[in-house]
Amino acid sequence: MIRARSWAIAIVVLYASSGLVVGSVGGGEYELQVAAVSAITFPLYVFTYLWMKADARERGTASPPGAIPLVVGLFPVAVPYHLVATRRGWRKGLALLLLVFLFAVLEINYLAESFGSWLFA
């Protein structure tokens, strides 16, 4: 079985590399950028689903009710919901703090997109 940490790393790599792909493929054309983002969205949902299942299994709990369907519809709500429901005590706050830090780091995606469009222009 693949550990939850491995799925989390795969999510970060996929998301961060998507900026480079969008920047290099798009070249300023909006339709190509949307197509590239659409191609990356499905694997992101699958990796998030697999991470949730592995994380819950490692913690000896079940995924919270409704968290997995929320991945597709309300991705930014599903992950914090899962984190709060599967952790106890102070670990809830720590997990949410790390999630905020991760979102801040993933804003590098924008820089990668800019770098990709400059590199392949």
N, C-alpha and C. Protein backbone atom coordinates (compact mmCIF):
# COMPACT_ATOMS: atom_id res chain seq x y z
N MET A 1 0.82 -1.18 0.00
CA MET A 1 0.00 0.00 0.00
C MET A 1 0.87 1.26 0.00
N ILE A 2 0.44 2.20 -0.75
CA ILE A 2 1.15 3.47 -0.81
C ILE A 2 0.70 4.34 0.36
N ARG A 3 1.66 4.97 1.02
CA ARG A 3 1.37 5.77 2.21
C ARG A 3 0.76 7.11 1.81
N ALA A 4 0.07 7.71 2.76
CA ALA A 4 -0.59 9.00 2.55
C ALA A 4 0.42 10.09 2.19
N ARG A 5 1.59 10.04 2.79
CA ARG A 5 2.62 11.04 2.51
C ARG A 5 3.03 11.00 1.04
N SER A 6 3.11 9.80 0.47
CA SER A 6 3.47 9.67 -0.95
C SER A 6 2.41 10.30 -1.84
N TRP A 7 1.14 10.10 -1.50
CA TRP A 7 0.06 10.72 -2.28
C TRP A 7 0.09 12.23 -2.13
N ALA A 8 0.40 12.72 -0.93
CA ALA A 8 0.47 14.17 -0.71
C ALA A 8 1.61 14.78 -1.54
N ILE A 9 2.73 14.09 -1.61
CA ILE A 9 3.85 14.58 -2.43
C ILE A 9 3.45 14.57 -3.90
N ALA A 10 2.75 13.54 -4.33
CA ALA A 10 2.29 13.48 -5.73
C ALA A 10 1.35 14.64 -6.05
N ILE A 11 0.49 15.00 -5.11
CA ILE A 11 -0.43 16.13 -5.31
C ILE A 11 0.35 17.43 -5.45
N VAL A 12 1.33 17.63 -4.59
CA VAL A 12 2.12 18.85 -4.64
C VAL A 12 2.91 18.93 -5.94
N VAL A 13 3.53 17.84 -6.35
CA VAL A 13 4.30 17.82 -7.60
C VAL A 13 3.39 18.07 -8.79
N LEU A 14 2.23 17.43 -8.81
CA LEU A 14 1.29 17.63 -9.91
C LEU A 14 0.83 19.08 -9.99
N TYR A 15 0.47 19.64 -8.85
CA TYR A 15 -0.03 21.01 -8.84
C TYR A 15 1.07 22.00 -9.22
N ALA A 16 2.25 21.82 -8.66
CA ALA A 16 3.35 22.75 -8.94
C ALA A 16 3.81 22.65 -10.39
N SER A 17 3.86 21.44 -10.93
CA SER A 17 4.29 21.28 -12.32
C SER A 17 3.22 21.73 -13.31
N SER A 18 1.99 21.80 -12.87
CA SER A 18 0.93 22.24 -13.77
C SER A 18 1.14 23.68 -14.22
N GLY A 19 1.70 24.50 -13.36
CA GLY A 19 2.00 25.88 -13.75
C GLY A 19 2.99 25.94 -14.89
N LEU A 20 4.01 25.10 -14.82
CA LEU A 20 5.01 25.06 -15.90
C LEU A 20 4.37 24.58 -17.20
N VAL A 21 3.52 23.57 -17.09
CA VAL A 21 2.85 23.03 -18.28
C VAL A 21 1.93 24.08 -18.90
N VAL A 22 1.14 24.72 -18.07
CA VAL A 22 0.20 25.74 -18.57
C VAL A 22 0.97 26.89 -19.21
N GLY A 23 2.05 27.30 -18.59
CA GLY A 23 2.83 28.40 -19.14
C GLY A 23 3.51 28.02 -20.45
N SER A 24 3.99 26.79 -20.56
CA SER A 24 4.70 26.40 -21.77
C SER A 24 3.74 26.05 -22.90
N VAL A 25 2.61 25.44 -22.59
CA VAL A 25 1.65 25.05 -23.62
C VAL A 25 0.82 26.23 -24.08
N GLY A 26 0.40 27.03 -23.12
CA GLY A 26 -0.52 28.11 -23.42
C GLY A 26 0.07 29.19 -24.29
N GLY A 27 1.22 29.68 -23.92
CA GLY A 27 1.84 30.74 -24.70
C GLY A 27 0.94 31.95 -24.87
N GLY A 28 0.09 32.22 -23.89
CA GLY A 28 -0.78 33.38 -23.98
C GLY A 28 -2.16 33.09 -24.56
N GLU A 29 -2.36 31.90 -25.12
CA GLU A 29 -3.67 31.55 -25.67
C GLU A 29 -4.54 30.94 -24.57
N TYR A 30 -5.63 31.60 -24.30
CA TYR A 30 -6.49 31.22 -23.20
C TYR A 30 -7.06 29.81 -23.37
N GLU A 31 -7.46 29.45 -24.57
CA GLU A 31 -8.08 28.14 -24.79
C GLU A 31 -7.11 27.00 -24.51
N LEU A 32 -5.85 27.16 -24.89
CA LEU A 32 -4.85 26.12 -24.62
C LEU A 32 -4.56 26.02 -23.13
N GLN A 33 -4.56 27.14 -22.44
CA GLN A 33 -4.33 27.11 -21.00
C GLN A 33 -5.47 26.40 -20.27
N VAL A 34 -6.69 26.66 -20.69
CA VAL A 34 -7.85 26.00 -20.07
C VAL A 34 -7.80 24.50 -20.34
N ALA A 35 -7.41 24.11 -21.54
CA ALA A 35 -7.30 22.69 -21.87
C ALA A 35 -6.23 22.00 -21.02
N ALA A 36 -5.11 22.68 -20.82
CA ALA A 36 -4.04 22.10 -20.01
C ALA A 36 -4.48 21.96 -18.55
N VAL A 37 -5.14 22.96 -18.02
CA VAL A 37 -5.63 22.88 -16.63
C VAL A 37 -6.67 21.78 -16.50
N SER A 38 -7.53 21.64 -17.49
CA SER A 38 -8.56 20.59 -17.46
C SER A 38 -7.93 19.21 -17.46
N ALA A 39 -6.85 19.05 -18.19
CA ALA A 39 -6.17 17.75 -18.23
C ALA A 39 -5.52 17.40 -16.89
N ILE A 40 -5.17 18.39 -16.12
CA ILE A 40 -4.51 18.17 -14.83
C ILE A 40 -5.54 17.99 -13.71
N THR A 41 -6.74 18.48 -13.89
CA THR A 41 -7.75 18.44 -12.84
C THR A 41 -8.15 17.03 -12.45
N PHE A 42 -8.40 16.16 -13.40
CA PHE A 42 -8.84 14.80 -13.09
C PHE A 42 -7.80 14.04 -12.26
N PRO A 43 -6.51 14.04 -12.67
CA PRO A 43 -5.53 13.37 -11.80
C PRO A 43 -5.43 13.98 -10.41
N LEU A 44 -5.65 15.28 -10.29
CA LEU A 44 -5.63 15.92 -8.98
C LEU A 44 -6.74 15.37 -8.10
N TYR A 45 -7.93 15.20 -8.66
CA TYR A 45 -9.04 14.62 -7.90
C TYR A 45 -8.74 13.18 -7.49
N VAL A 46 -8.18 12.41 -8.40
CA VAL A 46 -7.87 11.00 -8.11
C VAL A 46 -6.81 10.91 -7.01
N PHE A 47 -5.75 11.70 -7.12
CA PHE A 47 -4.69 11.68 -6.10
C PHE A 47 -5.23 12.12 -4.75
N THR A 48 -6.12 13.10 -4.74
CA THR A 48 -6.70 13.56 -3.48
C THR A 48 -7.56 12.47 -2.85
N TYR A 49 -8.35 11.79 -3.67
CA TYR A 49 -9.16 10.66 -3.18
C TYR A 49 -8.26 9.59 -2.57
N LEU A 50 -7.19 9.23 -3.28
CA LEU A 50 -6.28 8.19 -2.78
C LEU A 50 -5.56 8.64 -1.52
N TRP A 51 -5.23 9.93 -1.44
CA TRP A 51 -4.61 10.46 -0.22
C TRP A 51 -5.58 10.37 0.96
N MET A 52 -6.83 10.75 0.75
CA MET A 52 -7.82 10.70 1.83
C MET A 52 -8.00 9.28 2.34
N LYS A 53 -8.09 8.33 1.43
CA LYS A 53 -8.27 6.94 1.84
C LYS A 53 -7.05 6.43 2.61
N ALA A 54 -5.84 6.73 2.10
CA ALA A 54 -4.63 6.27 2.76
C ALA A 54 -4.45 6.95 4.12
N ASP A 55 -4.76 8.23 4.20
CA ASP A 55 -4.63 8.97 5.45
C ASP A 55 -5.59 8.41 6.51
N ALA A 56 -6.82 8.18 6.12
CA ALA A 56 -7.79 7.63 7.07
C ALA A 56 -7.38 6.23 7.51
N ARG A 57 -6.88 5.42 6.58
CA ARG A 57 -6.45 4.07 6.92
C ARG A 57 -5.28 4.10 7.90
N GLU A 58 -4.31 4.99 7.67
CA GLU A 58 -3.15 5.09 8.56
C GLU A 58 -3.55 5.58 9.96
N ARG A 59 -4.59 6.37 10.06
CA ARG A 59 -5.04 6.89 11.35
C ARG A 59 -6.05 5.96 12.01
N GLY A 60 -6.42 4.90 11.33
CA GLY A 60 -7.35 3.94 11.91
C GLY A 60 -8.78 4.44 11.99
N THR A 61 -9.13 5.38 11.11
CA THR A 61 -10.50 5.91 11.06
C THR A 61 -11.04 5.76 9.65
N ALA A 62 -12.30 6.06 9.52
CA ALA A 62 -12.91 6.09 8.19
C ALA A 62 -12.91 7.53 7.69
N SER A 63 -12.96 7.68 6.40
CA SER A 63 -13.09 9.03 5.84
C SER A 63 -14.41 9.61 6.33
N PRO A 64 -14.44 10.90 6.64
CA PRO A 64 -15.68 11.49 7.14
C PRO A 64 -16.78 11.44 6.08
N PRO A 65 -18.03 11.34 6.50
CA PRO A 65 -19.12 11.23 5.53
C PRO A 65 -19.19 12.47 4.64
N GLY A 66 -19.24 12.23 3.36
CA GLY A 66 -19.37 13.30 2.40
C GLY A 66 -18.08 13.95 1.95
N ALA A 67 -16.95 13.61 2.56
CA ALA A 67 -15.68 14.26 2.20
C ALA A 67 -15.24 13.89 0.79
N ILE A 68 -15.38 12.64 0.43
CA ILE A 68 -14.90 12.21 -0.88
C ILE A 68 -15.74 12.79 -2.01
N PRO A 69 -17.07 12.82 -1.94
CA PRO A 69 -17.81 13.50 -3.01
C PRO A 69 -17.52 15.00 -3.09
N LEU A 70 -17.17 15.61 -1.96
CA LEU A 70 -16.84 17.03 -1.97
C LEU A 70 -15.57 17.34 -2.75
N VAL A 71 -14.70 16.35 -2.94
CA VAL A 71 -13.46 16.58 -3.68
C VAL A 71 -13.75 17.12 -5.06
N VAL A 72 -14.75 16.57 -5.72
CA VAL A 72 -15.06 17.00 -7.08
C VAL A 72 -15.78 18.33 -7.09
N GLY A 73 -16.74 18.52 -6.21
CA GLY A 73 -17.54 19.74 -6.24
C GLY A 73 -16.94 20.92 -5.51
N LEU A 74 -16.42 20.68 -4.33
CA LEU A 74 -15.89 21.76 -3.48
C LEU A 74 -14.53 21.37 -2.93
N PHE A 75 -13.56 21.28 -3.81
CA PHE A 75 -12.22 20.84 -3.44
C PHE A 75 -11.64 21.60 -2.24
N PRO A 76 -11.73 22.95 -2.21
CA PRO A 76 -11.15 23.68 -1.07
C PRO A 76 -11.85 23.43 0.26
N VAL A 77 -13.05 22.88 0.22
CA VAL A 77 -13.77 22.56 1.45
C VAL A 77 -13.49 21.12 1.88
N ALA A 78 -13.32 20.23 0.93
CA ALA A 78 -13.17 18.81 1.22
C ALA A 78 -11.90 18.50 2.01
N VAL A 79 -10.79 19.11 1.65
CA VAL A 79 -9.53 18.80 2.31
C VAL A 79 -9.52 19.27 3.77
N PRO A 80 -9.88 20.53 4.07
CA PRO A 80 -9.93 20.91 5.49
C PRO A 80 -10.94 20.08 6.29
N TYR A 81 -12.07 19.76 5.68
CA TYR A 81 -13.07 18.93 6.34
C TYR A 81 -12.48 17.57 6.71
N HIS A 82 -11.76 16.97 5.79
CA HIS A 82 -11.12 15.69 6.05
C HIS A 82 -10.08 15.82 7.17
N LEU A 83 -9.28 16.88 7.11
CA LEU A 83 -8.24 17.07 8.12
C LEU A 83 -8.83 17.23 9.52
N VAL A 84 -9.87 18.01 9.64
CA VAL A 84 -10.49 18.25 10.95
C VAL A 84 -11.18 16.98 11.46
N ALA A 85 -11.82 16.24 10.57
CA ALA A 85 -12.58 15.07 10.99
C ALA A 85 -11.70 13.87 11.35
N THR A 86 -10.49 13.81 10.82
CA THR A 86 -9.65 12.64 11.06
C THR A 86 -8.56 12.86 12.09
N ARG A 87 -8.47 14.06 12.65
CA ARG A 87 -7.46 14.35 13.64
C ARG A 87 -8.09 14.71 14.98
N ARG A 88 -7.30 14.56 16.05
CA ARG A 88 -7.81 14.84 17.39
C ARG A 88 -7.02 15.97 18.02
N GLY A 89 -7.69 16.71 18.88
CA GLY A 89 -7.05 17.72 19.70
C GLY A 89 -6.30 18.78 18.92
N TRP A 90 -5.09 19.07 19.39
CA TRP A 90 -4.29 20.14 18.80
C TRP A 90 -3.82 19.81 17.39
N ARG A 91 -3.89 18.53 16.99
CA ARG A 91 -3.45 18.15 15.64
C ARG A 91 -4.36 18.70 14.56
N LYS A 92 -5.61 19.01 14.91
CA LYS A 92 -6.52 19.64 13.95
C LYS A 92 -5.97 21.00 13.54
N GLY A 93 -5.62 21.81 14.53
CA GLY A 93 -5.09 23.14 14.26
C GLY A 93 -3.77 23.08 13.51
N LEU A 94 -2.91 22.14 13.91
CA LEU A 94 -1.62 21.99 13.23
C LEU A 94 -1.82 21.59 11.78
N ALA A 95 -2.75 20.67 11.52
CA ALA A 95 -3.01 20.24 10.14
C ALA A 95 -3.54 21.39 9.30
N LEU A 96 -4.43 22.19 9.85
CA LEU A 96 -4.96 23.34 9.10
C LEU A 96 -3.89 24.39 8.87
N LEU A 97 -3.01 24.59 9.84
CA LEU A 97 -1.91 25.53 9.67
C LEU A 97 -0.96 25.07 8.56
N LEU A 98 -0.67 23.78 8.54
CA LEU A 98 0.18 23.23 7.48
C LEU A 98 -0.50 23.34 6.11
N LEU A 99 -1.81 23.19 6.09
CA LEU A 99 -2.55 23.33 4.83
C LEU A 99 -2.45 24.76 4.31
N VAL A 100 -2.59 25.73 5.19
CA VAL A 100 -2.45 27.13 4.78
C VAL A 100 -1.04 27.39 4.26
N PHE A 101 -0.04 26.84 4.94
CA PHE A 101 1.34 26.97 4.49
C PHE A 101 1.53 26.33 3.12
N LEU A 102 0.92 25.16 2.92
CA LEU A 102 1.01 24.48 1.63
C LEU A 102 0.40 25.31 0.52
N PHE A 103 -0.77 25.90 0.77
CA PHE A 103 -1.39 26.75 -0.25
C PHE A 103 -0.52 27.95 -0.57
N ALA A 104 0.15 28.50 0.44
CA ALA A 104 1.06 29.62 0.19
C ALA A 104 2.25 29.19 -0.66
N VAL A 105 2.78 28.02 -0.36
CA VAL A 105 3.91 27.51 -1.15
C VAL A 105 3.47 27.19 -2.58
N LEU A 106 2.27 26.68 -2.72
CA LEU A 106 1.80 26.31 -4.06
C LEU A 106 1.49 27.52 -4.93
N GLU A 107 1.49 28.67 -4.34
CA GLU A 107 1.35 29.87 -5.16
C GLU A 107 2.57 30.04 -6.06
N ILE A 108 3.59 29.26 -5.78
CA ILE A 108 4.75 29.21 -6.67
C ILE A 108 4.28 28.73 -8.05
N ASN A 109 3.13 28.06 -8.09
CA ASN A 109 2.54 27.63 -9.34
C ASN A 109 2.41 28.80 -10.31
N TYR A 110 2.01 29.93 -9.80
CA TYR A 110 1.88 31.13 -10.63
C TYR A 110 3.24 31.54 -11.18
N LEU A 111 4.26 31.46 -10.34
CA LEU A 111 5.60 31.81 -10.80
C LEU A 111 6.09 30.81 -11.84
N ALA A 112 5.77 29.52 -11.64
CA ALA A 112 6.17 28.51 -12.62
C ALA A 112 5.47 28.75 -13.96
N GLU A 113 4.20 29.16 -13.89
CA GLU A 113 3.47 29.46 -15.12
C GLU A 113 4.12 30.63 -15.86
N SER A 114 4.48 31.66 -15.13
CA SER A 114 5.14 32.81 -15.73
C SER A 114 6.49 32.42 -16.32
N PHE A 115 7.24 31.59 -15.58
CA PHE A 115 8.54 31.14 -16.05
C PHE A 115 8.38 30.27 -17.29
N GLY A 116 7.36 29.39 -17.30
CA GLY A 116 7.12 28.52 -18.46
C GLY A 116 6.78 29.31 -19.70
N SER A 117 5.96 30.34 -19.55
CA SER A 117 5.59 31.15 -20.72
C SER A 117 6.78 31.97 -21.21
N TRP A 118 7.65 32.39 -20.29
CA TRP A 118 8.85 33.13 -20.69
C TRP A 118 9.85 32.19 -21.35
N LEU A 119 10.01 30.98 -20.80
CA LEU A 119 11.00 30.03 -21.29
C LEU A 119 10.66 29.54 -22.69
N PHE A 120 9.39 29.29 -22.94
CA PHE A 120 8.98 28.71 -24.21
C PHE A 120 8.37 29.73 -25.16
N ALA A 121 8.57 31.00 -24.91
CA ALA A 121 8.00 32.04 -25.78
C ALA A 121 8.78 32.17 -27.07
